[in-house]
């Protein structure tokens, strides 16, 4: 495959999604929608739903708990922040008190860290 063909393929169907923290996550193209699994806190601050390709096909985003367990799957991240996040936040704050759970995730900084002990 030539460099031009690879560049075109990467634009149409990229192999990886880059998170706000710069981590690259493999995109799974096996389902109805291309999909990624990413920790919920790593998507803080994201106000536009991640899409791929020229046609801007939305990624199916499976948001994970700090323990890497699925918490929510969405094709509308801004809608999740505005609706379901409050309930998820309530549940996750009890299970993972050392992790940040801001009231407004669209204004929060993305993170993979827990709060230091004693805070």
PDB file of N, CA and C in Angstrom:
ATOM      1  N   UNK A   1       0.852  -1.171   0.000  1.00  0.00           N
ATOM      2  CA  UNK A   1       0.000   0.000   0.000  1.00  0.00           C
ATOM      3  C   UNK A   1       0.898   1.235   0.000  1.00  0.00           C
ATOM      4  N   UNK A   2       0.547   2.174  -0.853  1.00  0.00           N
ATOM      5  CA  UNK A   2       1.351   3.388  -0.942  1.00  0.00           C
ATOM      6  C   UNK A   2       1.055   4.309   0.233  1.00  0.00           C
ATOM      7  N   UNK A   3       1.919   5.297   0.421  1.00  0.00           N
ATOM      8  CA  UNK A   3       1.742   6.272   1.509  1.00  0.00           C
ATOM      9  C   UNK A   3       0.426   7.017   1.344  1.00  0.00           C
ATOM     10  N   UNK A   4       0.080   7.420   0.099  1.00  0.00           N
ATOM     11  CA  UNK A   4      -1.172   8.128  -0.168  1.00  0.00           C
ATOM     12  C   UNK A   4      -2.381   7.272   0.172  1.00  0.00           C
ATOM     13  N   UNK A   5      -2.325   5.994  -0.179  1.00  0.00           N
ATOM     14  CA  UNK A   5      -3.434   5.094   0.130  1.00  0.00           C
ATOM     15  C   UNK A   5      -3.591   4.926   1.641  1.00  0.00           C
ATOM     16  N   UNK A   6      -2.471   4.790   2.363  1.00  0.00           N
ATOM     17  CA  UNK A   6      -2.526   4.631   3.817  1.00  0.00           C
ATOM     18  C   UNK A   6      -3.078   5.898   4.473  1.00  0.00           C
ATOM     19  N   UNK A   7      -2.671   7.060   3.996  1.00  0.00           N
ATOM     20  CA  UNK A   7      -3.171   8.322   4.536  1.00  0.00           C
ATOM     21  C   UNK A   7      -4.677   8.435   4.318  1.00  0.00           C
ATOM     22  N   UNK A   8      -5.146   8.064   3.145  1.00  0.00           N
ATOM     23  CA  UNK A   8      -6.582   8.094   2.854  1.00  0.00           C
ATOM     24  C   UNK A   8      -7.317   7.113   3.751  1.00  0.00           C
ATOM     25  N   UNK A   9      -6.795   5.917   3.902  1.00  0.00           N
ATOM     26  CA  UNK A   9      -7.417   4.914   4.768  1.00  0.00           C
ATOM     27  C   UNK A   9      -7.481   5.408   6.212  1.00  0.00           C
ATOM     28  N   UNK A  10      -6.419   6.028   6.697  1.00  0.00           N
ATOM     29  CA  UNK A  10      -6.400   6.558   8.065  1.00  0.00           C
ATOM     30  C   UNK A  10      -7.440   7.659   8.255  1.00  0.00           C
ATOM     31  N   UNK A  11      -7.692   8.463   7.233  1.00  0.00           N
ATOM     32  CA  UNK A  11      -8.722   9.499   7.332  1.00  0.00           C
ATOM     33  C   UNK A  11     -10.122   8.888   7.322  1.00  0.00           C
ATOM     34  N   UNK A  12     -10.325   7.865   6.503  1.00  0.00           N
ATOM     35  CA  UNK A  12     -11.641   7.238   6.380  1.00  0.00           C
ATOM     36  C   UNK A  12     -11.965   6.334   7.563  1.00  0.00           C
ATOM     37  N   UNK A  13     -10.974   5.577   8.006  1.00  0.00           N
ATOM     38  CA  UNK A  13     -11.194   4.620   9.094  1.00  0.00           C
ATOM     39  C   UNK A  13      -9.931   4.525   9.953  1.00  0.00           C
ATOM     40  N   UNK A  14      -9.725   5.515  10.817  1.00  0.00           N
ATOM     41  CA  UNK A  14      -8.510   5.492  11.642  1.00  0.00           C
ATOM     42  C   UNK A  14      -8.494   4.265  12.565  1.00  0.00           C
ATOM     43  N   UNK A  15      -7.315   3.755  12.820  1.00  0.00           N
ATOM     44  CA  UNK A  15      -7.168   2.577  13.678  1.00  0.00           C
ATOM     45  C   UNK A  15      -7.280   2.938  15.151  1.00  0.00           C
ATOM     46  N   UNK A  16      -7.001   4.214  15.481  1.00  0.00           N
ATOM     47  CA  UNK A  16      -6.958   4.604  16.885  1.00  0.00           C
ATOM     48  C   UNK A  16      -7.667   5.938  17.115  1.00  0.00           C
ATOM     49  N   UNK A  17      -8.205   6.069  18.328  1.00  0.00           N
ATOM     50  CA  UNK A  17      -8.796   7.323  18.804  1.00  0.00           C
ATOM     51  C   UNK A  17      -7.838   7.889  19.836  1.00  0.00           C
ATOM     52  N   UNK A  18      -7.538   9.177  19.734  1.00  0.00           N
ATOM     53  CA  UNK A  18      -6.649   9.822  20.699  1.00  0.00           C
ATOM     54  C   UNK A  18      -7.504  10.529  21.743  1.00  0.00           C
ATOM     55  N   UNK A  19      -7.325  10.160  23.007  1.00  0.00           N
ATOM     56  CA  UNK A  19      -8.096  10.747  24.102  1.00  0.00           C
ATOM     57  C   UNK A  19      -7.586  12.152  24.407  1.00  0.00           C
ATOM     58  N   UNK A  20      -8.336  12.929  25.199  1.00  0.00           N
ATOM     59  CA  UNK A  20      -7.862  14.263  25.580  1.00  0.00           C
ATOM     60  C   UNK A  20      -6.514  14.245  26.311  1.00  0.00           C
ATOM     61  N   UNK A  21      -6.162  13.108  26.910  1.00  0.00           N
ATOM     62  CA  UNK A  21      -4.868  12.999  27.599  1.00  0.00           C
ATOM     63  C   UNK A  21      -3.755  12.512  26.677  1.00  0.00           C
ATOM     64  N   UNK A  22      -4.100  12.277  25.397  1.00  0.00           N
ATOM     65  CA  UNK A  22      -3.087  11.864  24.431  1.00  0.00           C
ATOM     66  C   UNK A  22      -2.905  10.361  24.311  1.00  0.00           C
ATOM     67  N   UNK A  23      -3.648   9.582  25.083  1.00  0.00           N
ATOM     68  CA  UNK A  23      -3.552   8.123  24.950  1.00  0.00           C
ATOM     69  C   UNK A  23      -4.261   7.691  23.681  1.00  0.00           C
ATOM     70  N   UNK A  24      -3.714   6.688  23.012  1.00  0.00           N
ATOM     71  CA  UNK A  24      -4.341   6.165  21.813  1.00  0.00           C
ATOM     72  C   UNK A  24      -5.048   4.860  22.142  1.00  0.00           C
ATOM     73  N   UNK A  25      -6.326   4.787  21.748  1.00  0.00           N
ATOM     74  CA  UNK A  25      -7.159   3.631  22.029  1.00  0.00           C
ATOM     75  C   UNK A  25      -7.588   3.018  20.701  1.00  0.00           C
ATOM     76  N   UNK A  26      -7.461   1.709  20.579  1.00  0.00           N
ATOM     77  CA  UNK A  26      -7.856   1.026  19.350  1.00  0.00           C
ATOM     78  C   UNK A  26      -9.357   1.175  19.110  1.00  0.00           C
ATOM     79  N   UNK A  27      -9.716   1.407  17.859  1.00  0.00           N
ATOM     80  CA  UNK A  27     -11.115   1.488  17.463  1.00  0.00           C
ATOM     81  C   UNK A  27     -11.526   0.131  16.911  1.00  0.00           C
ATOM     82  N   UNK A  28     -12.632  -0.415  17.429  1.00  0.00           N
ATOM     83  CA  UNK A  28     -13.156  -1.700  16.994  1.00  0.00           C
ATOM     84  C   UNK A  28     -14.232  -1.442  15.938  1.00  0.00           C
ATOM     85  N   UNK A  29     -14.022  -1.966  14.732  1.00  0.00           N
ATOM     86  CA  UNK A  29     -14.960  -1.751  13.633  1.00  0.00           C
ATOM     87  C   UNK A  29     -15.879  -2.949  13.396  1.00  0.00           C
ATOM     88  N   UNK A  30     -15.940  -3.901  14.317  1.00  0.00           N
ATOM     89  CA  UNK A  30     -16.715  -5.122  14.094  1.00  0.00           C
ATOM     90  C   UNK A  30     -18.224  -4.955  14.247  1.00  0.00           C
ATOM     91  N   UNK A  31     -18.695  -3.967  14.980  1.00  0.00           N
ATOM     92  CA  UNK A  31     -20.128  -3.816  15.236  1.00  0.00           C
ATOM     93  C   UNK A  31     -20.817  -2.886  14.254  1.00  0.00           C
ATOM     94  N   UNK A  32     -22.043  -2.513  14.601  1.00  0.00           N
ATOM     95  CA  UNK A  32     -22.831  -1.602  13.777  1.00  0.00           C
ATOM     96  C   UNK A  32     -22.162  -0.231  13.690  1.00  0.00           C
ATOM     97  N   UNK A  33     -21.557   0.197  14.796  1.00  0.00           N
ATOM     98  CA  UNK A  33     -20.807   1.455  14.857  1.00  0.00           C
ATOM     99  C   UNK A  33     -19.375   1.148  15.277  1.00  0.00           C
ATOM    100  N   UNK A  34     -18.409   1.937  14.813  1.00  0.00           N
ATOM    101  CA  UNK A  34     -17.058   1.779  15.357  1.00  0.00           C
ATOM    102  C   UNK A  34     -17.109   2.091  16.847  1.00  0.00           C
ATOM    103  N   UNK A  35     -16.286   1.392  17.635  1.00  0.00           N
ATOM    104  CA  UNK A  35     -16.418   1.492  19.089  1.00  0.00           C
ATOM    105  C   UNK A  35     -15.075   1.641  19.788  1.00  0.00           C
ATOM    106  N   UNK A  36     -15.126   2.336  20.935  1.00  0.00           N
ATOM    107  CA  UNK A  36     -13.971   2.443  21.832  1.00  0.00           C
ATOM    108  C   UNK A  36     -14.447   2.208  23.262  1.00  0.00           C
ATOM    109  N   UNK A  37     -13.529   1.775  24.105  1.00  0.00           N
ATOM    110  CA  UNK A  37     -13.736   1.668  25.541  1.00  0.00           C
ATOM    111  C   UNK A  37     -12.741   2.604  26.200  1.00  0.00           C
ATOM    112  N   UNK A  38     -13.240   3.507  27.058  1.00  0.00           N
ATOM    113  CA  UNK A  38     -12.372   4.513  27.661  1.00  0.00           C
ATOM    114  C   UNK A  38     -12.874   4.839  29.062  1.00  0.00           C
ATOM    115  N   UNK A  39     -11.930   5.106  29.975  1.00  0.00           N
ATOM    116  CA  UNK A  39     -12.336   5.486  31.325  1.00  0.00           C
ATOM    117  C   UNK A  39     -13.121   6.788  31.296  1.00  0.00           C
ATOM    118  N   UNK A  40     -14.203   6.824  32.048  1.00  0.00           N
ATOM    119  CA  UNK A  40     -15.101   7.970  32.076  1.00  0.00           C
ATOM    120  C   UNK A  40     -14.341   9.256  32.390  1.00  0.00           C
ATOM    121  N   UNK A  41     -13.477   9.246  33.399  1.00  0.00           N
ATOM    122  CA  UNK A  41     -12.759  10.463  33.793  1.00  0.00           C
ATOM    123  C   UNK A  41     -11.845  10.987  32.688  1.00  0.00           C
ATOM    124  N   UNK A  42     -11.424  10.115  31.798  1.00  0.00           N
ATOM    125  CA  UNK A  42     -10.534  10.525  30.714  1.00  0.00           C
ATOM    126  C   UNK A  42     -11.282  11.336  29.649  1.00  0.00           C
ATOM    127  N   UNK A  43     -12.611  11.288  29.687  1.00  0.00           N
ATOM    128  CA  UNK A  43     -13.412  12.038  28.719  1.00  0.00           C
ATOM    129  C   UNK A  43     -13.973  13.335  29.303  1.00  0.00           C
ATOM    130  N   UNK A  44     -13.638  13.654  30.558  1.00  0.00           N
ATOM    131  CA  UNK A  44     -14.059  14.933  31.126  1.00  0.00           C
ATOM    132  C   UNK A  44     -13.608  16.057  30.194  1.00  0.00           C
ATOM    133  N   UNK A  45     -14.448  17.060  30.059  1.00  0.00           N
ATOM    134  CA  UNK A  45     -14.117  18.210  29.224  1.00  0.00           C
ATOM    135  C   UNK A  45     -14.498  18.048  27.766  1.00  0.00           C
ATOM    136  N   UNK A  46     -14.847  16.838  27.335  1.00  0.00           N
ATOM    137  CA  UNK A  46     -15.224  16.607  25.936  1.00  0.00           C
ATOM    138  C   UNK A  46     -16.684  17.021  25.753  1.00  0.00           C
ATOM    139  N   UNK A  47     -16.917  17.971  24.866  1.00  0.00           N
ATOM    140  CA  UNK A  47     -18.274  18.482  24.654  1.00  0.00           C
ATOM    141  C   UNK A  47     -18.847  18.104  23.294  1.00  0.00           C
ATOM    142  N   UNK A  48     -18.035  17.544  22.419  1.00  0.00           N
ATOM    143  CA  UNK A  48     -18.495  17.045  21.120  1.00  0.00           C
ATOM    144  C   UNK A  48     -18.298  15.539  21.098  1.00  0.00           C
ATOM    145  N   UNK A  49     -19.286  14.815  20.592  1.00  0.00           N
ATOM    146  CA  UNK A  49     -19.156  13.360  20.546  1.00  0.00           C
ATOM    147  C   UNK A  49     -18.061  12.968  19.560  1.00  0.00           C
ATOM    148  N   UNK A  50     -17.201  12.014  19.923  1.00  0.00           N
ATOM    149  CA  UNK A  50     -16.138  11.567  19.017  1.00  0.00           C
ATOM    150  C   UNK A  50     -16.723  10.886  17.771  1.00  0.00           C
ATOM    151  N   UNK A  51     -16.182  11.244  16.623  1.00  0.00           N
ATOM    152  CA  UNK A  51     -16.617  10.685  15.344  1.00  0.00           C
ATOM    153  C   UNK A  51     -15.397  10.292  14.526  1.00  0.00           C
ATOM    154  N   UNK A  52     -15.620   9.465  13.503  1.00  0.00           N
ATOM    155  CA  UNK A  52     -14.528   9.066  12.617  1.00  0.00           C
ATOM    156  C   UNK A  52     -14.951   9.230  11.169  1.00  0.00           C
ATOM    157  N   UNK A  53     -13.968   9.379  10.324  1.00  0.00           N
ATOM    158  CA  UNK A  53     -14.195   9.407   8.892  1.00  0.00           C
ATOM    159  C   UNK A  53     -14.763  10.713   8.380  1.00  0.00           C
ATOM    160  N   UNK A  54     -14.807  10.801   7.077  1.00  0.00           N
ATOM    161  CA  UNK A  54     -15.314  11.988   6.402  1.00  0.00           C
ATOM    162  C   UNK A  54     -16.794  12.173   6.691  1.00  0.00           C
ATOM    163  N   UNK A  55     -17.528  11.063   6.835  1.00  0.00           N
ATOM    164  CA  UNK A  55     -18.969  11.150   7.090  1.00  0.00           C
ATOM    165  C   UNK A  55     -19.278  11.406   8.562  1.00  0.00           C
ATOM    166  N   UNK A  56     -18.238  11.543   9.386  1.00  0.00           N
ATOM    167  CA  UNK A  56     -18.398  11.847  10.817  1.00  0.00           C
ATOM    168  C   UNK A  56     -19.286  10.812  11.516  1.00  0.00           C
ATOM    169  N   UNK A  57     -19.006   9.534  11.295  1.00  0.00           N
ATOM    170  CA  UNK A  57     -19.731   8.440  11.933  1.00  0.00           C
ATOM    171  C   UNK A  57     -19.415   8.443  13.422  1.00  0.00           C
ATOM    172  N   UNK A  58     -20.453   8.482  14.280  1.00  0.00           N
ATOM    173  CA  UNK A  58     -20.169   8.532  15.722  1.00  0.00           C
ATOM    174  C   UNK A  58     -19.563   7.230  16.227  1.00  0.00           C
ATOM    175  N   UNK A  59     -18.641   7.360  17.156  1.00  0.00           N
ATOM    176  CA  UNK A  59     -18.086   6.181  17.830  1.00  0.00           C
ATOM    177  C   UNK A  59     -19.053   5.743  18.923  1.00  0.00           C
ATOM    178  N   UNK A  60     -19.203   4.446  19.082  1.00  0.00           N
ATOM    179  CA  UNK A  60     -19.936   3.921  20.239  1.00  0.00           C
ATOM    180  C   UNK A  60     -18.920   3.943  21.386  1.00  0.00           C
ATOM    181  N   UNK A  61     -19.174   4.806  22.355  1.00  0.00           N
ATOM    182  CA  UNK A  61     -18.245   5.005  23.463  1.00  0.00           C
ATOM    183  C   UNK A  61     -18.749   4.245  24.678  1.00  0.00           C
ATOM    184  N   UNK A  62     -17.970   3.260  25.113  1.00  0.00           N
ATOM    185  CA  UNK A  62     -18.273   2.568  26.355  1.00  0.00           C
ATOM    186  C   UNK A  62     -17.407   3.217  27.425  1.00  0.00           C
ATOM    187  N   UNK A  63     -18.069   3.893  28.348  1.00  0.00           N
ATOM    188  CA  UNK A  63     -17.371   4.583  29.438  1.00  0.00           C
ATOM    189  C   UNK A  63     -17.142   3.586  30.566  1.00  0.00           C
ATOM    190  N   UNK A  64     -15.912   3.563  31.054  1.00  0.00           N
ATOM    191  CA  UNK A  64     -15.506   2.583  32.059  1.00  0.00           C
ATOM    192  C   UNK A  64     -15.312   3.223  33.423  1.00  0.00           C
ATOM    193  N   UNK A  65     -15.545   2.436  34.457  1.00  0.00           N
ATOM    194  CA  UNK A  65     -15.271   2.867  35.835  1.00  0.00           C
ATOM    195  C   UNK A  65     -13.763   2.868  36.056  1.00  0.00           C
ATOM    196  N   UNK A  66     -13.297   3.379  37.200  1.00  0.00           N
ATOM    197  CA  UNK A  66     -11.868   3.292  37.502  1.00  0.00           C
ATOM    198  C   UNK A  66     -11.338   1.853  37.534  1.00  0.00           C
ATOM    199  N   UNK A  67     -12.238   0.883  37.741  1.00  0.00           N
ATOM    200  CA  UNK A  67     -11.846  -0.534  37.746  1.00  0.00           C
ATOM    201  C   UNK A  67     -11.963  -1.157  36.354  1.00  0.00           C
ATOM    202  N   UNK A  68     -12.153  -0.319  35.322  1.00  0.00           N
ATOM    203  CA  UNK A  68     -12.240  -0.754  33.931  1.00  0.00           C
ATOM    204  C   UNK A  68     -13.504  -1.563  33.631  1.00  0.00           C
ATOM    205  N   UNK A  69     -14.559  -1.358  34.412  1.00  0.00           N
ATOM    206  CA  UNK A  69     -15.841  -2.023  34.173  1.00  0.00           C
ATOM    207  C   UNK A  69     -16.775  -1.065  33.433  1.00  0.00           C
ATOM    208  N   UNK A  70     -17.566  -1.574  32.480  1.00  0.00           N
ATOM    209  CA  UNK A  70     -18.495  -0.699  31.746  1.00  0.00           C
ATOM    210  C   UNK A  70     -19.511  -0.038  32.676  1.00  0.00           C
ATOM    211  N   UNK A  71     -19.686   1.262  32.514  1.00  0.00           N
ATOM    212  CA  UNK A  71     -20.631   2.046  33.308  1.00  0.00           C
ATOM    213  C   UNK A  71     -21.786   2.512  32.417  1.00  0.00           C
ATOM    214  N   UNK A  72     -21.455   2.916  31.197  1.00  0.00           N
ATOM    215  CA  UNK A  72     -22.459   3.455  30.267  1.00  0.00           C
ATOM    216  C   UNK A  72     -21.922   3.325  28.852  1.00  0.00           C
ATOM    217  N   UNK A  73     -22.796   3.047  27.902  1.00  0.00           N
ATOM    218  CA  UNK A  73     -22.441   3.054  26.486  1.00  0.00           C
ATOM    219  C   UNK A  73     -23.305   4.116  25.818  1.00  0.00           C
ATOM    220  N   UNK A  74     -22.673   4.936  24.982  1.00  0.00           N
ATOM    221  CA  UNK A  74     -23.412   6.047  24.388  1.00  0.00           C
ATOM    222  C   UNK A  74     -22.928   6.362  22.974  1.00  0.00           C
ATOM    223  N   UNK A  75     -23.850   6.880  22.187  1.00  0.00           N
ATOM    224  CA  UNK A  75     -23.545   7.463  20.877  1.00  0.00           C
ATOM    225  C   UNK A  75     -23.734   8.972  20.940  1.00  0.00           C
ATOM    226  N   UNK A  76     -23.954   9.489  22.154  1.00  0.00           N
ATOM    227  CA  UNK A  76     -24.216  10.916  22.367  1.00  0.00           C
ATOM    228  C   UNK A  76     -23.594  11.350  23.695  1.00  0.00           C
ATOM    229  N   UNK A  77     -22.297  11.614  23.698  1.00  0.00           N
ATOM    230  CA  UNK A  77     -21.604  11.989  24.932  1.00  0.00           C
ATOM    231  C   UNK A  77     -22.158  13.274  25.546  1.00  0.00           C
ATOM    232  N   UNK A  78     -22.413  14.341  24.773  1.00  0.00           N
ATOM    233  CA  UNK A  78     -23.001  15.531  25.387  1.00  0.00           C
ATOM    234  C   UNK A  78     -24.360  15.233  26.038  1.00  0.00           C
ATOM    235  N   UNK A  79     -25.152  14.383  25.412  1.00  0.00           N
ATOM    236  CA  UNK A  79     -26.435  13.994  25.994  1.00  0.00           C
ATOM    237  C   UNK A  79     -26.253  13.214  27.290  1.00  0.00           C
ATOM    238  N   UNK A  80     -25.240  12.335  27.328  1.00  0.00           N
ATOM    239  CA  UNK A  80     -24.950  11.593  28.554  1.00  0.00           C
ATOM    240  C   UNK A  80     -24.567  12.553  29.674  1.00  0.00           C
ATOM    241  N   UNK A  81     -23.681  13.508  29.384  1.00  0.00           N
ATOM    242  CA  UNK A  81     -23.276  14.471  30.412  1.00  0.00           C
ATOM    243  C   UNK A  81     -24.498  15.215  30.952  1.00  0.00           C
ATOM    244  N   UNK A  82     -25.428  15.577  30.063  1.00  0.00           N
ATOM    245  CA  UNK A  82     -26.581  16.387  30.456  1.00  0.00           C
ATOM    246  C   UNK A  82     -27.669  15.594  31.179  1.00  0.00           C
ATOM    247  N   UNK A  83     -27.701  14.277  31.005  1.00  0.00           N
ATOM    248  CA  UNK A  83     -28.805  13.498  31.576  1.00  0.00           C
ATOM    249  C   UNK A  83     -28.319  12.414  32.540  1.00  0.00           C
ATOM    250  N   UNK A  84     -27.817  11.330  32.020  1.00  0.00           N
ATOM    251  CA  UNK A  84     -27.499  10.137  32.820  1.00  0.00           C
ATOM    252  C   UNK A  84     -26.304  10.297  33.747  1.00  0.00           C
ATOM    253  N   UNK A  85     -25.394  11.218  33.435  1.00  0.00           N
ATOM    254  CA  UNK A  85     -24.176  11.346  34.239  1.00  0.00           C
ATOM    255  C   UNK A  85     -24.474  11.578  35.709  1.00  0.00           C
ATOM    256  N   UNK A  86     -25.470  12.364  36.043  1.00  0.00           N
ATOM    257  CA  UNK A  86     -25.767  12.663  37.451  1.00  0.00           C
ATOM    258  C   UNK A  86     -26.026  11.380  38.246  1.00  0.00           C
ATOM    259  N   UNK A  87     -26.753  10.447  37.671  1.00  0.00           N
ATOM    260  CA  UNK A  87     -27.039   9.180  38.347  1.00  0.00           C
ATOM    261  C   UNK A  87     -25.780   8.315  38.431  1.00  0.00           C
ATOM    262  N   UNK A  88     -25.019   8.261  37.338  1.00  0.00           N
ATOM    263  CA  UNK A  88     -23.759   7.504  37.334  1.00  0.00           C
ATOM    264  C   UNK A  88     -22.814   8.096  38.373  1.00  0.00           C
ATOM    265  N   UNK A  89     -22.732   9.418  38.418  1.00  0.00           N
ATOM    266  CA  UNK A  89     -21.869  10.113  39.390  1.00  0.00           C
ATOM    267  C   UNK A  89     -22.227   9.712  40.812  1.00  0.00           C
ATOM    268  N   UNK A  90     -23.529   9.689  41.111  1.00  0.00           N
ATOM    269  CA  UNK A  90     -23.978   9.334  42.453  1.00  0.00           C
ATOM    270  C   UNK A  90     -23.520   7.914  42.823  1.00  0.00           C
ATOM    271  N   UNK A  91     -23.692   6.977  41.901  1.00  0.00           N
ATOM    272  CA  UNK A  91     -23.277   5.591  42.157  1.00  0.00           C
ATOM    273  C   UNK A  91     -21.754   5.464  42.270  1.00  0.00           C
ATOM    274  N   UNK A  92     -21.044   6.116  41.360  1.00  0.00           N
ATOM    275  CA  UNK A  92     -19.582   5.977  41.322  1.00  0.00           C
ATOM    276  C   UNK A  92     -18.902   6.669  42.507  1.00  0.00           C
ATOM    277  N   UNK A  93     -19.467   7.768  42.977  1.00  0.00           N
ATOM    278  CA  UNK A  93     -18.869   8.459  44.136  1.00  0.00           C
ATOM    279  C   UNK A  93     -18.837   7.545  45.355  1.00  0.00           C
ATOM    280  N   UNK A  94     -19.863   6.732  45.514  1.00  0.00           N
ATOM    281  CA  UNK A  94     -19.895   5.791  46.631  1.00  0.00           C
ATOM    282  C   UNK A  94     -18.907   4.654  46.459  1.00  0.00           C
ATOM    283  N   UNK A  95     -18.757   4.169  45.240  1.00  0.00           N
ATOM    284  CA  UNK A  95     -17.858   3.043  44.974  1.00  0.00           C
ATOM    285  C   UNK A  95     -16.397   3.471  44.862  1.00  0.00           C
ATOM    286  N   UNK A  96     -16.170   4.656  44.339  1.00  0.00           N
ATOM    287  CA  UNK A  96     -14.800   5.134  44.086  1.00  0.00           C
ATOM    288  C   UNK A  96     -14.628   6.541  44.650  1.00  0.00           C
ATOM    289  N   UNK A  97     -14.635   6.684  45.970  1.00  0.00           N
ATOM    290  CA  UNK A  97     -14.583   8.027  46.576  1.00  0.00           C
ATOM    291  C   UNK A  97     -13.272   8.765  46.341  1.00  0.00           C
ATOM    292  N   UNK A  98     -12.212   8.068  46.009  1.00  0.00           N
ATOM    293  CA  UNK A  98     -10.923   8.731  45.810  1.00  0.00           C
ATOM    294  C   UNK A  98     -10.760   9.285  44.391  1.00  0.00           C
ATOM    295  N   UNK A  99     -11.743   9.046  43.543  1.00  0.00           N
ATOM    296  CA  UNK A  99     -11.671   9.525  42.164  1.00  0.00           C
ATOM    297  C   UNK A  99     -12.554  10.753  41.991  1.00  0.00           C
ATOM    298  N   UNK A 100     -12.179  11.652  41.091  1.00  0.00           N
ATOM    299  CA  UNK A 100     -12.988  12.864  40.896  1.00  0.00           C
ATOM    300  C   UNK A 100     -14.308  12.555  40.195  1.00  0.00           C
ATOM    301  N   UNK A 101     -15.367  13.169  40.674  1.00  0.00           N
ATOM    302  CA  UNK A 101     -16.709  13.061  40.095  1.00  0.00           C
ATOM    303  C   UNK A 101     -17.336  14.454  40.104  1.00  0.00           C
ATOM    304  N   UNK A 102     -16.882  15.346  39.240  1.00  0.00           N
ATOM    305  CA  UNK A 102     -17.372  16.732  39.264  1.00  0.00           C
ATOM    306  C   UNK A 102     -18.848  16.819  38.892  1.00  0.00           C
ATOM    307  N   UNK A 103     -19.485  17.855  39.399  1.00  0.00           N
ATOM    308  CA  UNK A 103     -20.892  18.079  39.049  1.00  0.00           C
ATOM    309  C   UNK A 103     -21.036  18.399  37.565  1.00  0.00           C
ATOM    310  N   UNK A 104     -20.111  19.176  37.012  1.00  0.00           N
ATOM    311  CA  UNK A 104     -20.155  19.512  35.597  1.00  0.00           C
ATOM    312  C   UNK A 104     -18.935  18.905  34.889  1.00  0.00           C
ATOM    313  N   UNK A 105     -19.084  17.707  34.318  1.00  0.00           N
ATOM    314  CA  UNK A 105     -17.940  17.052  33.686  1.00  0.00           C
ATOM    315  C   UNK A 105     -17.456  17.761  32.426  1.00  0.00           C
ATOM    316  N   UNK A 106     -18.283  18.614  31.838  1.00  0.00           N
ATOM    317  CA  UNK A 106     -17.862  19.323  30.626  1.00  0.00           C
ATOM    318  C   UNK A 106     -16.834  20.407  30.934  1.00  0.00           C
ATOM    319  N   UNK A 107     -16.772  20.839  32.194  1.00  0.00           N
ATOM    320  CA  UNK A 107     -15.818  21.868  32.610  1.00  0.00           C
ATOM    321  C   UNK A 107     -14.607  21.280  33.335  1.00  0.00           C
ATOM    322  N   UNK A 108     -14.616  19.983  33.595  1.00  0.00           N
ATOM    323  CA  UNK A 108     -13.540  19.342  34.364  1.00  0.00           C
ATOM    324  C   UNK A 108     -12.377  18.949  33.458  1.00  0.00           C
ATOM    325  N   UNK A 109     -11.215  18.866  34.051  1.00  0.00           N
ATOM    326  CA  UNK A 109     -10.024  18.410  33.343  1.00  0.00           C
ATOM    327  C   UNK A 109     -10.036  16.886  33.266  1.00  0.00           C
ATOM    328  N   UNK A 110      -9.703  16.302  32.108  1.00  0.00           N
ATOM    329  CA  UNK A 110      -9.622  14.844  32.026  1.00  0.00           C
ATOM    330  C   UNK A 110      -8.489  14.339  32.916  1.00  0.00           C
ATOM    331  N   UNK A 111      -8.657  13.138  33.458  1.00  0.00           N
ATOM    332  CA  UNK A 111      -7.645  12.587  34.355  1.00  0.00           C
ATOM    333  C   UNK A 111      -7.716  11.066  34.381  1.00  0.00           C
ATOM    334  N   UNK A 112      -6.638  10.457  34.784  1.00  0.00           N
ATOM    335  CA  UNK A 112      -6.596   9.023  35.066  1.00  0.00           C
ATOM    336  C   UNK A 112      -6.181   8.796  36.515  1.00  0.00           C
ATOM    337  N   UNK A 113      -6.041   9.850  37.275  1.00  0.00           N
ATOM    338  CA  UNK A 113      -5.534   9.759  38.642  1.00  0.00           C
ATOM    339  C   UNK A 113      -6.640   9.811  39.686  1.00  0.00           C
ATOM    340  N   UNK A 114      -6.344   9.189  40.797  1.00  0.00           N
ATOM    341  CA  UNK A 114      -7.217   9.286  41.971  1.00  0.00           C
ATOM    342  C   UNK A 114      -6.708  10.432  42.814  1.00  0.00           C
ATOM    343  N   UNK A 115      -7.544  10.912  43.723  1.00  0.00           N
ATOM    344  CA  UNK A 115      -7.117  11.955  44.660  1.00  0.00           C
ATOM    345  C   UNK A 115      -6.109  11.345  45.632  1.00  0.00           C
ATOM    346  N   UNK A 116      -5.149  12.146  46.101  1.00  0.00           N
ATOM    347  CA  UNK A 116      -4.209  11.634  47.093  1.00  0.00           C
ATOM    348  C   UNK A 116      -4.965  11.218  48.360  1.00  0.00           C
ATOM    349  N   UNK A 117      -4.439  10.247  49.064  1.00  0.00           N
ATOM    350  CA  UNK A 117      -5.054   9.801  50.310  1.00  0.00           C
ATOM    351  C   UNK A 117      -5.180  10.961  51.284  1.00  0.00           C
ATOM    352  N   UNK A 118      -6.312  10.979  52.008  1.00  0.00           N
ATOM    353  CA  UNK A 118      -6.527  12.001  53.008  1.00  0.00           C
ATOM    354  C   UNK A 118      -7.131  13.289  52.485  1.00  0.00           C
ATOM    355  N   UNK A 119      -7.504  13.320  51.184  1.00  0.00           N
ATOM    356  CA  UNK A 119      -8.137  14.537  50.645  1.00  0.00           C
ATOM    357  C   UNK A 119      -9.570  14.281  50.273  1.00  0.00           C
TER     358      UNK A 119
END
